[in-house]
Protein backbone atom coordinates (compact mmCIF):
# COMPACT_ATOMS: atom_id res chain seq x y z
CA UNK A 1 -115.03 -48.68 -1.69
CA UNK A 2 -114.81 -45.96 0.89
CA UNK A 3 -117.20 -44.88 3.65
CA UNK A 4 -116.48 -41.24 2.86
CA UNK A 5 -118.16 -39.73 -0.14
CA UNK A 6 -115.14 -37.48 -0.77
CA UNK A 7 -111.91 -38.87 -2.23
CA UNK A 8 -108.70 -38.72 -0.22
CA UNK A 9 -105.17 -38.21 -1.55
CA UNK A 10 -102.41 -38.47 1.05
CA UNK A 11 -98.71 -39.34 0.66
CA UNK A 12 -97.51 -42.40 2.60
CA UNK A 13 -95.25 -40.10 4.64
CA UNK A 14 -98.39 -38.52 6.16
CA UNK A 15 -100.18 -41.76 7.06
CA UNK A 16 -100.11 -42.21 10.84
CA UNK A 17 -101.32 -45.80 11.22
CA UNK A 18 -103.30 -48.64 9.61
CA UNK A 19 -105.60 -50.78 11.72
CA UNK A 20 -107.70 -53.83 10.94
CA UNK A 21 -111.18 -53.36 12.34
CA UNK A 22 -114.12 -55.56 13.26
CA UNK A 23 -117.28 -54.27 11.65
CA UNK A 24 -120.21 -54.51 14.04
CA UNK A 25 -123.76 -55.34 12.95
CA UNK A 26 -124.85 -51.73 12.97
CA UNK A 27 -122.17 -50.83 10.43
CA UNK A 28 -122.93 -53.85 8.24
CA UNK A 29 -126.65 -53.12 8.01
CA UNK A 30 -126.14 -50.13 5.74
CA UNK A 31 -128.15 -50.20 2.54
CA UNK A 32 -126.85 -52.64 -0.05
CA UNK A 33 -124.37 -54.26 2.38
CA UNK A 34 -127.27 -55.71 4.35
CA UNK A 35 -127.59 -58.99 2.39
CA UNK A 36 -123.86 -59.56 1.87
CA UNK A 37 -121.57 -61.98 3.66
CA UNK A 38 -119.13 -60.99 6.41
CA UNK A 39 -117.21 -57.85 5.55
CA UNK A 40 -113.51 -57.25 6.16
CA UNK A 41 -112.24 -53.74 6.80
CA UNK A 42 -109.29 -51.59 7.75
CA UNK A 43 -108.98 -47.96 8.79
CA UNK A 44 -106.24 -45.62 7.62
CA UNK A 45 -105.37 -42.74 10.00
CA UNK A 46 -103.71 -39.82 8.27
CA UNK A 47 -102.69 -36.17 8.62
CA UNK A 48 -105.34 -33.70 7.55
CA UNK A 49 -104.01 -30.17 7.08
CA UNK A 50 -106.21 -27.18 7.74
CA UNK A 51 -105.69 -23.43 7.99
CA UNK A 52 -102.84 -21.68 9.83
CA UNK A 53 -100.52 -24.73 9.71
CA UNK A 54 -102.87 -26.73 11.93
CA UNK A 55 -102.75 -30.54 11.54
CA UNK A 56 -105.39 -33.01 12.67
CA UNK A 57 -105.66 -36.80 12.68
CA UNK A 58 -108.38 -37.94 10.29
CA UNK A 59 -109.36 -41.45 9.22
CA UNK A 60 -110.97 -43.33 6.37
CA UNK A 61 -112.28 -46.92 6.41
CA UNK A 62 -112.08 -49.36 3.49
CA UNK A 63 -113.98 -52.67 3.35
CA UNK A 64 -114.52 -55.64 1.06
CA UNK A 65 -115.86 -59.20 1.22
CA UNK A 66 -112.55 -60.81 0.26
CA UNK A 67 -110.58 -61.42 3.46
CA UNK A 68 -107.37 -62.25 1.57
CA UNK A 69 -107.50 -58.99 -0.42
CA UNK A 70 -108.15 -57.00 2.75
CA UNK A 71 -105.15 -58.59 4.50
CA UNK A 72 -102.96 -57.91 1.48
CA UNK A 73 -103.82 -54.22 1.66
CA UNK A 74 -103.13 -54.07 5.40
CA UNK A 75 -99.81 -55.88 4.95
CA UNK A 76 -98.73 -53.68 2.03
CA UNK A 77 -99.54 -50.45 3.87
CA UNK A 78 -97.81 -51.59 7.07
CA UNK A 79 -94.69 -52.49 5.08
CA UNK A 80 -94.69 -49.03 3.47
CA UNK A 81 -94.97 -47.43 6.92
CA UNK A 82 -92.09 -49.59 8.22
CA UNK A 83 -89.94 -48.16 5.44
CA UNK A 84 -90.40 -44.62 6.81
CA UNK A 85 -86.99 -44.71 8.53
CA UNK A 86 -87.12 -41.23 10.05
CA UNK A 87 -90.08 -42.09 12.30
CA UNK A 88 -89.35 -42.43 16.03
CA UNK A 89 -90.09 -45.77 17.72
CA UNK A 90 -89.04 -44.91 21.26
CA UNK A 91 -89.28 -41.46 22.88
CA UNK A 92 -88.28 -39.98 26.21
CA UNK A 93 -90.94 -37.50 27.37
CA UNK A 94 -90.46 -34.77 30.00
CA UNK A 95 -93.59 -33.05 31.29
CA UNK A 96 -93.44 -29.79 33.23
CA UNK A 97 -96.62 -29.90 35.39
CA UNK A 98 -96.12 -26.33 36.67
CA UNK A 99 -95.46 -24.34 33.47
CA UNK A 100 -97.91 -21.97 31.75
CA UNK A 101 -101.44 -22.62 32.94
CA UNK A 102 -100.36 -25.87 34.66
CA UNK A 103 -102.01 -27.88 31.91
CA UNK A 104 -98.96 -29.85 30.68
CA UNK A 105 -99.90 -33.22 32.17
CA UNK A 106 -103.54 -32.97 31.05
CA UNK A 107 -102.58 -31.86 27.52
CA UNK A 108 -100.15 -34.77 27.15
CA UNK A 109 -102.50 -37.44 28.55
CA UNK A 110 -105.61 -36.32 26.67
CA UNK A 111 -104.28 -35.05 23.35
CA UNK A 112 -100.81 -36.50 22.72
CA UNK A 113 -100.50 -39.95 24.40
CA UNK A 114 -103.45 -41.44 22.43
CA UNK A 115 -101.80 -40.39 19.13
CA UNK A 116 -98.41 -41.86 20.14
CA UNK A 117 -100.22 -45.07 21.11
CA UNK A 118 -102.11 -45.19 17.78
CA UNK A 119 -98.84 -44.78 15.87
CA UNK A 120 -97.12 -47.51 17.99
CA UNK A 121 -94.59 -45.08 19.43
CA UNK A 122 -93.41 -46.29 22.84
CA UNK A 123 -92.65 -43.66 25.49
CA UNK A 124 -90.88 -43.31 28.83
CA UNK A 125 -92.52 -40.41 30.65
CA UNK A 126 -90.84 -38.31 33.36
CA UNK A 127 -92.88 -35.70 35.26
CA UNK A 128 -90.39 -33.05 36.35
CA UNK A 129 -90.45 -32.15 40.04
CA UNK A 130 -88.10 -29.16 40.21
CA UNK A 131 -86.03 -26.79 38.07
CA UNK A 132 -83.28 -28.57 36.09
CA UNK A 133 -84.80 -32.02 36.79
CA UNK A 134 -84.89 -32.84 33.05
CA UNK A 135 -81.42 -31.37 32.44
CA UNK A 136 -79.84 -33.37 35.27
CA UNK A 137 -81.69 -36.52 34.26
CA UNK A 138 -80.32 -36.30 30.70
CA UNK A 139 -76.78 -36.53 32.12
CA UNK A 140 -77.59 -39.73 34.05
CA UNK A 141 -79.63 -41.98 31.76
CA UNK A 142 -78.79 -43.90 28.58
CA UNK A 143 -80.02 -41.34 26.04
CA UNK A 144 -78.80 -43.33 23.04
CA UNK A 145 -81.65 -45.87 23.21
CA UNK A 146 -84.14 -43.11 22.30
CA UNK A 147 -85.00 -41.73 18.86
CA UNK A 148 -85.95 -38.41 20.38
CA UNK A 149 -86.65 -36.39 23.51
CA UNK A 150 -90.03 -34.66 23.84
CA UNK A 151 -90.64 -31.74 26.19
CA UNK A 152 -94.16 -30.81 27.25
CA UNK A 153 -94.12 -27.20 28.41
CA UNK A 154 -93.02 -23.75 27.26
CA UNK A 155 -89.76 -22.23 26.06
CA UNK A 156 -88.20 -22.67 29.53
CA UNK A 157 -88.80 -26.42 29.42
CA UNK A 158 -87.34 -26.62 25.91
CA UNK A 159 -84.26 -24.69 27.07
CA UNK A 160 -83.74 -27.12 29.94
CA UNK A 161 -83.95 -30.18 27.67
CA UNK A 162 -81.70 -28.51 25.08
CA UNK A 163 -79.02 -27.71 27.71
CA UNK A 164 -79.20 -31.28 29.03
CA UNK A 165 -78.95 -32.86 25.59
CA UNK A 166 -76.21 -30.63 24.15
CA UNK A 167 -74.26 -30.77 27.43
CA UNK A 168 -74.48 -34.58 27.58
CA UNK A 169 -73.33 -35.03 23.97
CA UNK A 170 -70.35 -32.67 24.52
CA UNK A 171 -69.43 -34.45 27.77
CA UNK A 172 -69.55 -37.86 26.07
CA UNK A 173 -67.44 -36.48 23.20
CA UNK A 174 -64.82 -34.96 25.50
CA UNK A 175 -65.59 -31.36 24.46
CA UNK A 176 -65.00 -28.56 26.99
CA UNK A 177 -68.08 -26.31 26.91
CA UNK A 178 -66.13 -23.57 28.71
CA UNK A 179 -63.91 -23.06 25.69
CA UNK A 180 -65.70 -20.43 23.56
CA UNK A 181 -63.78 -21.53 20.44
CA UNK A 182 -64.54 -25.27 20.80
CA UNK A 183 -66.25 -26.92 17.83
CA UNK A 184 -69.32 -28.49 19.37
CA UNK A 185 -70.54 -31.97 18.36
CA UNK A 186 -73.90 -32.04 16.58
CA UNK A 187 -76.83 -33.61 18.45
CA UNK A 188 -78.57 -36.20 16.28
CA UNK A 189 -81.22 -37.08 18.88
CA UNK A 190 -84.17 -34.89 17.86
CA UNK A 191 -86.20 -32.76 20.27
CA UNK A 192 -89.98 -32.53 20.02
CA UNK A 193 -91.90 -29.63 21.57
CA UNK A 194 -95.47 -30.13 22.79
CA UNK A 195 -96.49 -26.52 23.58
CA UNK A 196 -98.01 -26.08 27.03
CA UNK A 197 -96.37 -22.93 28.38
CA UNK A 198 -97.11 -19.23 28.69
CA UNK A 199 -94.67 -18.57 25.81
CA UNK A 200 -94.17 -21.05 22.97
CA UNK A 201 -92.06 -18.89 20.66
CA UNK A 202 -89.75 -21.71 19.51
CA UNK A 203 -92.65 -23.98 18.60
CA UNK A 204 -94.43 -21.15 16.76
CA UNK A 205 -91.30 -20.20 14.79
CA UNK A 206 -90.51 -23.79 13.71
CA UNK A 207 -94.01 -25.23 13.10
CA UNK A 208 -96.09 -22.11 12.44
CA UNK A 209 -98.60 -22.69 15.23
CA UNK A 210 -98.61 -23.49 18.96
CA UNK A 211 -100.89 -26.51 18.97
CA UNK A 212 -100.19 -29.78 20.88
CA UNK A 213 -101.91 -32.08 18.34
CA UNK A 214 -100.08 -30.52 15.37
CA UNK A 215 -96.73 -30.90 17.15
CA UNK A 216 -97.49 -34.52 18.13
CA UNK A 217 -98.24 -35.36 14.48
CA UNK A 218 -94.97 -33.76 13.31
CA UNK A 219 -93.17 -36.01 15.82
CA UNK A 220 -95.03 -39.14 14.66
CA UNK A 221 -94.30 -38.62 10.94
CA UNK A 222 -90.62 -38.13 11.85
CA UNK A 223 -90.06 -34.58 10.61
CA UNK A 224 -86.57 -33.15 11.01
CA UNK A 225 -85.64 -29.46 11.16
CA UNK A 226 -82.02 -28.52 11.95
CA UNK A 227 -81.58 -25.55 14.27
CA UNK A 228 -78.71 -23.13 14.90
CA UNK A 229 -77.69 -22.67 18.54
CA UNK A 230 -75.65 -19.78 19.97
CA UNK A 231 -73.23 -20.35 22.84
CA UNK A 232 -72.79 -17.52 25.35
CA UNK A 233 -69.53 -17.17 27.32
CA UNK A 234 -68.02 -14.72 29.81
CA UNK A 235 -64.28 -14.77 30.57
CA UNK A 236 -63.80 -18.28 29.17
CA UNK A 237 -66.70 -19.57 31.21
CA UNK A 238 -69.80 -21.09 29.59
CA UNK A 239 -73.04 -19.34 30.58
CA UNK A 240 -75.91 -20.53 28.38
CA UNK A 241 -77.13 -21.70 24.97
CA UNK A 242 -79.67 -19.62 23.05
CA UNK A 243 -81.91 -20.52 20.09
CA UNK A 244 -84.26 -17.55 19.91
CA UNK A 245 -83.55 -14.16 21.55
CA UNK A 246 -80.52 -12.71 23.27
CA UNK A 247 -81.62 -9.23 24.34
CA UNK A 248 -79.80 -6.49 26.28
CA UNK A 249 -81.37 -3.20 27.30
CA UNK A 250 -85.12 -3.12 26.67
CA UNK A 251 -85.84 -6.88 26.59
CA UNK A 252 -83.37 -7.60 29.38
CA UNK A 253 -84.96 -4.94 31.60
CA UNK A 254 -88.49 -6.29 30.93
CA UNK A 255 -87.41 -9.77 32.02
CA UNK A 256 -85.59 -8.53 35.10
CA UNK A 257 -88.63 -6.53 36.21
CA UNK A 258 -91.15 -9.29 35.38
CA UNK A 259 -89.20 -11.89 37.43
CA UNK A 260 -90.20 -9.97 40.57
CA UNK A 261 -93.87 -10.11 39.57
CA UNK A 262 -94.41 -13.83 38.87
CA UNK A 263 -97.55 -13.66 41.03
CA UNK A 264 -99.20 -11.66 38.21
CA UNK A 265 -99.00 -14.61 35.79
CA UNK A 266 -98.46 -13.97 32.04
CA UNK A 267 -99.86 -10.43 32.47
CA UNK A 268 -96.55 -9.47 34.14
CA UNK A 269 -94.87 -9.16 30.71
CA UNK A 270 -97.32 -6.46 29.59
CA UNK A 271 -96.96 -4.57 32.86
CA UNK A 272 -93.14 -4.76 32.87
CA UNK A 273 -93.01 -3.88 29.17
CA UNK A 274 -95.00 -0.69 29.73
CA UNK A 275 -92.96 0.24 32.80
CA UNK A 276 -89.65 -0.39 30.96
CA UNK A 277 -90.82 1.64 27.96
CA UNK A 278 -91.62 4.61 30.21
CA UNK A 279 -88.28 4.41 32.05
CA UNK A 280 -86.50 4.66 28.64
CA UNK A 281 -83.06 3.58 29.85
CA UNK A 282 -80.18 3.48 27.43
CA UNK A 283 -76.83 1.76 27.88
CA UNK A 284 -73.40 2.62 26.61
CA UNK A 285 -71.07 -0.07 25.33
CA UNK A 286 -69.04 -1.60 22.53
CA UNK A 287 -69.98 -4.39 20.15
CA UNK A 288 -67.51 -6.29 17.99
CA UNK A 289 -68.94 -8.71 15.44
CA UNK A 290 -67.90 -11.05 12.64
CA UNK A 291 -70.10 -10.71 9.55
CA UNK A 292 -71.67 -13.98 8.35
CA UNK A 293 -70.14 -13.93 4.88
CA UNK A 294 -71.05 -17.58 4.23
CA UNK A 295 -74.82 -17.03 4.04
CA UNK A 296 -76.67 -15.86 0.93
CA UNK A 297 -79.44 -14.00 2.70
CA UNK A 298 -79.66 -10.59 4.35
CA UNK A 299 -81.85 -9.40 7.26
CA UNK A 300 -83.60 -6.97 4.89
CA UNK A 301 -84.81 -9.76 2.55
CA UNK A 302 -88.50 -10.07 1.84
CA UNK A 303 -88.27 -13.88 1.77
CA UNK A 304 -88.75 -15.74 5.05
CA UNK A 305 -87.27 -19.10 6.06
CA UNK A 306 -89.64 -21.87 4.96
CA UNK A 307 -89.71 -25.69 4.77
CA UNK A 308 -86.71 -27.01 2.81
CA UNK A 309 -85.09 -23.55 2.88
CA UNK A 310 -82.52 -23.12 0.09
CA UNK A 311 -80.46 -20.55 2.02
CA UNK A 312 -80.12 -22.84 5.07
CA UNK A 313 -78.98 -25.76 2.87
CA UNK A 314 -76.50 -23.59 0.98
CA UNK A 315 -75.12 -22.06 4.20
CA UNK A 316 -74.55 -25.52 5.69
CA UNK A 317 -72.52 -26.56 2.60
CA UNK A 318 -70.58 -23.29 2.64
CA UNK A 319 -69.67 -23.64 6.33
CA UNK A 320 -68.63 -27.28 5.83
CA UNK A 321 -66.25 -26.16 3.05
CA UNK A 322 -64.85 -23.39 5.27
CA UNK A 323 -64.14 -25.92 8.05
CA UNK A 324 -62.35 -28.23 5.60
CA UNK A 325 -60.13 -25.38 4.42
CA UNK A 326 -59.36 -24.19 7.96
CA UNK A 327 -58.71 -27.73 9.19
CA UNK A 328 -58.07 -27.57 12.91
CA UNK A 329 -57.23 -23.86 12.81
CA UNK A 330 -60.24 -21.95 14.10
CA UNK A 331 -58.45 -18.69 14.75
CA UNK A 332 -60.42 -15.89 13.18
CA UNK A 333 -58.38 -13.19 11.50
CA UNK A 334 -58.39 -9.79 13.19
CA UNK A 335 -59.61 -7.85 10.16
CA UNK A 336 -62.86 -9.82 10.01
CA UNK A 337 -64.10 -8.11 13.16
CA UNK A 338 -66.08 -4.88 12.98
CA UNK A 339 -66.48 -2.63 16.03
CA UNK A 340 -69.39 -0.34 16.97
CA UNK A 341 -69.48 1.94 20.02
CA UNK A 342 -72.59 3.76 21.10
CA UNK A 343 -75.56 4.34 23.36
CA UNK A 344 -78.25 1.73 22.86
CA UNK A 345 -81.87 1.30 23.99
CA UNK A 346 -81.80 -2.34 22.87
CA UNK A 347 -79.29 -4.86 21.54
CA UNK A 348 -81.00 -7.98 20.21
CA UNK A 349 -79.42 -11.05 18.63
CA UNK A 350 -81.93 -13.51 17.16
CA UNK A 351 -81.30 -17.00 15.74
CA UNK A 352 -84.85 -17.22 14.36
CA UNK A 353 -87.60 -14.76 13.48
CA UNK A 354 -88.98 -14.96 17.09
CA UNK A 355 -92.49 -14.85 15.63
CA UNK A 356 -95.44 -15.37 17.98
CA UNK A 357 -99.21 -14.72 17.72
CA UNK A 358 -98.74 -11.11 18.90
CA UNK A 359 -95.86 -10.48 16.51
CA UNK A 360 -96.61 -12.72 13.50
CA UNK A 361 -93.42 -11.69 11.63
CA UNK A 362 -91.22 -11.54 14.74
CA UNK A 363 -88.19 -9.40 15.60
CA UNK A 364 -86.34 -10.28 12.39
CA UNK A 365 -88.78 -11.61 9.75
CA UNK A 366 -86.04 -12.88 7.38
CA UNK A 367 -83.92 -14.65 10.04
CA UNK A 368 -83.15 -18.29 9.20
CA UNK A 369 -83.45 -21.33 11.43
CA UNK A 370 -80.37 -23.17 10.19
CA UNK A 371 -77.99 -20.91 8.23
CA UNK A 372 -75.27 -20.64 10.90
CA UNK A 373 -75.93 -16.97 11.58
CA UNK A 374 -77.79 -14.64 13.93
CA UNK A 375 -79.32 -11.25 13.16
CA UNK A 376 -77.80 -8.58 15.41
CA UNK A 377 -80.25 -5.67 15.82
CA UNK A 378 -78.97 -2.45 17.39
CA UNK A 379 -81.50 0.17 18.45
CA UNK A 380 -79.59 3.36 19.21
CA UNK A 381 -80.64 6.02 21.70
CA UNK A 382 -83.67 7.86 20.28
CA UNK A 383 -86.82 9.58 21.52
CA UNK A 384 -89.60 7.64 23.25
CA UNK A 385 -91.88 8.33 20.30
CA UNK A 386 -89.35 6.92 17.80
CA UNK A 387 -88.80 3.84 19.97
CA UNK A 388 -92.56 3.29 20.14
CA UNK A 389 -92.71 3.49 16.31
CA UNK A 390 -90.05 0.78 16.18
CA UNK A 391 -91.89 -1.48 18.67
CA UNK A 392 -95.19 -1.10 16.78
CA UNK A 393 -93.48 -2.43 13.62
CA UNK A 394 -93.27 -5.88 15.28
CA UNK A 395 -97.05 -6.15 15.06
CA UNK A 396 -97.56 -5.08 11.43
CA UNK A 397 -96.27 -5.74 7.90
CA UNK A 398 -93.86 -2.77 7.63
CA UNK A 399 -90.07 -3.10 7.34
CA UNK A 400 -88.77 -3.54 10.92
CA UNK A 401 -85.42 -1.92 10.20
CA UNK A 402 -86.40 1.14 8.17
CA UNK A 403 -85.33 3.70 10.81
CA UNK A 404 -82.15 5.83 10.98
CA UNK A 405 -81.58 4.72 14.61
CA UNK A 406 -81.84 0.95 13.88
CA UNK A 407 -78.95 -1.08 12.43
CA UNK A 408 -79.07 -4.79 11.62
CA UNK A 409 -76.21 -7.15 10.76
CA UNK A 410 -76.08 -10.85 9.95
CA UNK A 411 -73.29 -12.25 12.12
CA UNK A 412 -71.62 -15.56 12.99
CA UNK A 413 -70.22 -14.28 16.29
CA UNK A 414 -70.16 -11.12 18.39
CA UNK A 415 -68.92 -9.73 21.68
CA UNK A 416 -70.33 -7.00 23.88
CA UNK A 417 -68.76 -5.00 26.70
CA UNK A 418 -70.74 -2.38 28.56
CA UNK A 419 -69.14 0.97 29.36
CA UNK A 420 -69.46 0.22 33.06
CA UNK A 421 -67.80 -3.19 32.94
CA UNK A 422 -64.98 -1.90 30.76
CA UNK A 423 -64.30 0.91 33.23
CA UNK A 424 -64.58 -1.33 36.28
CA UNK A 425 -63.12 -4.65 35.13
CA UNK A 426 -59.82 -4.25 33.36
CA UNK A 427 -59.81 -7.99 32.61
CA UNK A 428 -63.36 -8.39 31.29
CA UNK A 429 -61.92 -9.79 28.08
CA UNK A 430 -58.48 -9.58 26.53
CA UNK A 431 -60.33 -8.78 23.36
CA UNK A 432 -61.58 -5.61 25.05
CA UNK A 433 -58.03 -4.35 25.35
CA UNK A 434 -57.01 -5.43 21.86
CA UNK A 435 -60.00 -4.38 19.89
CA UNK A 436 -62.12 -1.86 21.70
CA UNK A 437 -59.52 0.71 22.80
CA UNK A 438 -60.39 3.28 25.43
CA UNK A 439 -63.75 4.99 25.76
CA UNK A 440 -63.97 8.74 25.76
CA UNK A 441 -64.36 9.92 29.37
CA UNK A 442 -64.85 13.63 28.85
CA UNK A 443 -68.66 13.66 28.77
CA UNK A 444 -70.54 14.90 31.85
CA UNK A 445 -71.94 12.16 34.10
CA UNK A 446 -75.55 13.23 33.48
CA UNK A 447 -75.49 12.37 29.78
CA UNK A 448 -75.58 8.60 30.11
CA UNK A 449 -76.86 5.91 32.40
CA UNK A 450 -74.09 4.35 34.42
CA UNK A 451 -76.00 1.19 35.27
CA UNK A 452 -75.78 -2.11 33.44
CA UNK A 453 -78.74 -3.87 31.91
CA UNK A 454 -79.29 -7.65 32.00
CA UNK A 455 -79.12 -10.08 29.09
CA UNK A 456 -82.37 -11.90 28.35
CA UNK A 457 -81.34 -15.32 27.03
CA UNK A 458 -84.41 -17.17 25.71
CA UNK A 459 -86.44 -15.84 28.64
CA UNK A 460 -83.81 -16.39 31.34
CA UNK A 461 -81.56 -13.70 32.82
CA UNK A 462 -77.77 -13.72 32.53
CA UNK A 463 -75.86 -11.98 35.29
CA UNK A 464 -72.92 -10.90 33.17
CA UNK A 465 -73.24 -7.91 30.86
CA UNK A 466 -69.95 -8.61 29.03
CA UNK A 467 -70.47 -11.65 26.83
CA UNK A 468 -68.98 -13.53 23.88
CA UNK A 469 -71.47 -15.20 21.53
CA UNK A 470 -70.88 -17.71 18.74
CA UNK A 471 -73.43 -19.33 16.41
CA UNK A 472 -73.09 -23.11 15.92
CA UNK A 473 -74.67 -24.11 12.61
CA UNK A 474 -77.35 -26.81 12.88
CA UNK A 475 -76.19 -28.02 16.32
CA UNK A 476 -79.70 -29.32 17.14
CA UNK A 477 -82.46 -31.14 15.30
CA UNK A 478 -86.18 -30.71 15.99
CA UNK A 479 -89.22 -32.83 15.14
CA UNK A 480 -90.50 -30.08 12.82
CA UNK A 481 -90.23 -29.04 9.18
CA UNK A 482 -90.10 -25.26 9.44
CA UNK A 483 -93.08 -23.19 8.39
CA UNK A 484 -94.70 -24.53 5.23
CA UNK A 485 -95.36 -22.29 2.24
CA UNK A 486 -98.81 -21.75 0.74
CA UNK A 487 -100.63 -23.55 3.49
CA UNK A 488 -103.99 -22.85 1.85
CA UNK A 489 -102.93 -24.62 -1.35
CA UNK A 490 -101.63 -27.58 0.63
CA UNK A 491 -104.83 -27.80 2.64
CA UNK A 492 -106.89 -27.85 -0.53
CA UNK A 493 -104.54 -30.52 -1.92
CA UNK A 494 -104.87 -32.80 1.10
CA UNK A 495 -108.67 -32.66 1.02
CA UNK A 496 -108.47 -34.26 -2.33
CA UNK A 497 -107.78 -38.33 -2.30
CA UNK A 498 -105.13 -42.02 0.45
CA UNK A 499 -102.52 -41.91 -2.44
CA UNK A 500 -104.61 -43.69 -5.10
CA UNK A 501 -104.78 -46.59 -2.72
CA UNK A 502 -107.74 -48.06 -4.53
């Protein structure tokens, strides 16, 4: 029998823990149980799904008079849980106490630690004391004894942990990160994100909600979501990894301006965004890109990347076959590159939709998390009014790219050289000489801006405007499952009955 009047139907994979409990007198004196002998009981804790991809920990208690039967149930359920091989047993947790609203430590201790404890997940917790503390620490410790690394903070904290983990794995594998053509070694130690920052774009785009409890439960049940990572180089020197947005022009200028106004808090982004929009700078340069021929999808698709995405799985297989055929030869043929010169208000390369509560569909709604490609969005010089129309599209359901001044390409690598750096640095990149040719210099000086913008790489500035970018398919793994389809149907389903346990 069950203390709840409603039935519960939950797959074993979504049971968090099973605990034997002592029934106190108060509980035993309920109605018909009053005259019975000692009762034996156990509680099952499980994932309860509600609206907007939110998960909560719910529980149901079963009891009976037969102690042997009760123990059999507990034993059977615990054995089933032991068989869930993807679940983490030991985690390394980094908490940024300064990020966002400075709530990281409180969020972890009050909302997350009790759930890890309930699920018998042991943790080593490190409170970060300065920038790059987590990154440096990941190079020093034995990371291989952990089933995962959890970061409590915003996108900046995730970026730090990602750089530490990828860098450590490459170092241990003897891979030179400064070589832009190096095949990087996949990281099999998963990263979990407990959102506690001012921006939690990566969490939102991979789980569907920025909620600490939901993310903790995805970690406990051992979800796994592969993630593409882009490497950014300048002159054969490694600069950064990116998983969400690489933005030059508009988004780079916003970040550069907002860095000076940290005292304003999160409001600085709105202020800098408005100021940057009014200044309406455009930048002249050349982009060369390699189309992502291996992937089935296109940026103009109506279908978004969802849990168990078919396109991501197919792209992974396709890329694996390509690598087999190429063997050790990773030299891309010249004719695969396409070149675009122009004046741009914004150049954005996104590895994921970059959805967030303000922009529920993101910068590229059909971008995929794990298909080995990025969506390269070029916004050419246009009027302020047209640019505003484009920006407004991020907040509604209309096609983001349905403008004559916006081009979008699905790419596996690209390079950018600004007009200024090509004029001033003859050796920016050999590729500049080979592929880009000479710019026309006969226009009057007043017709274009001669200043460079800054690249915004996942919310951090890059000093170099000339960069080389390559997408590494499924380099990382997250404790997530992508955004689930038909969440309402699934919520209704999970309110139904523990998987016919009784």
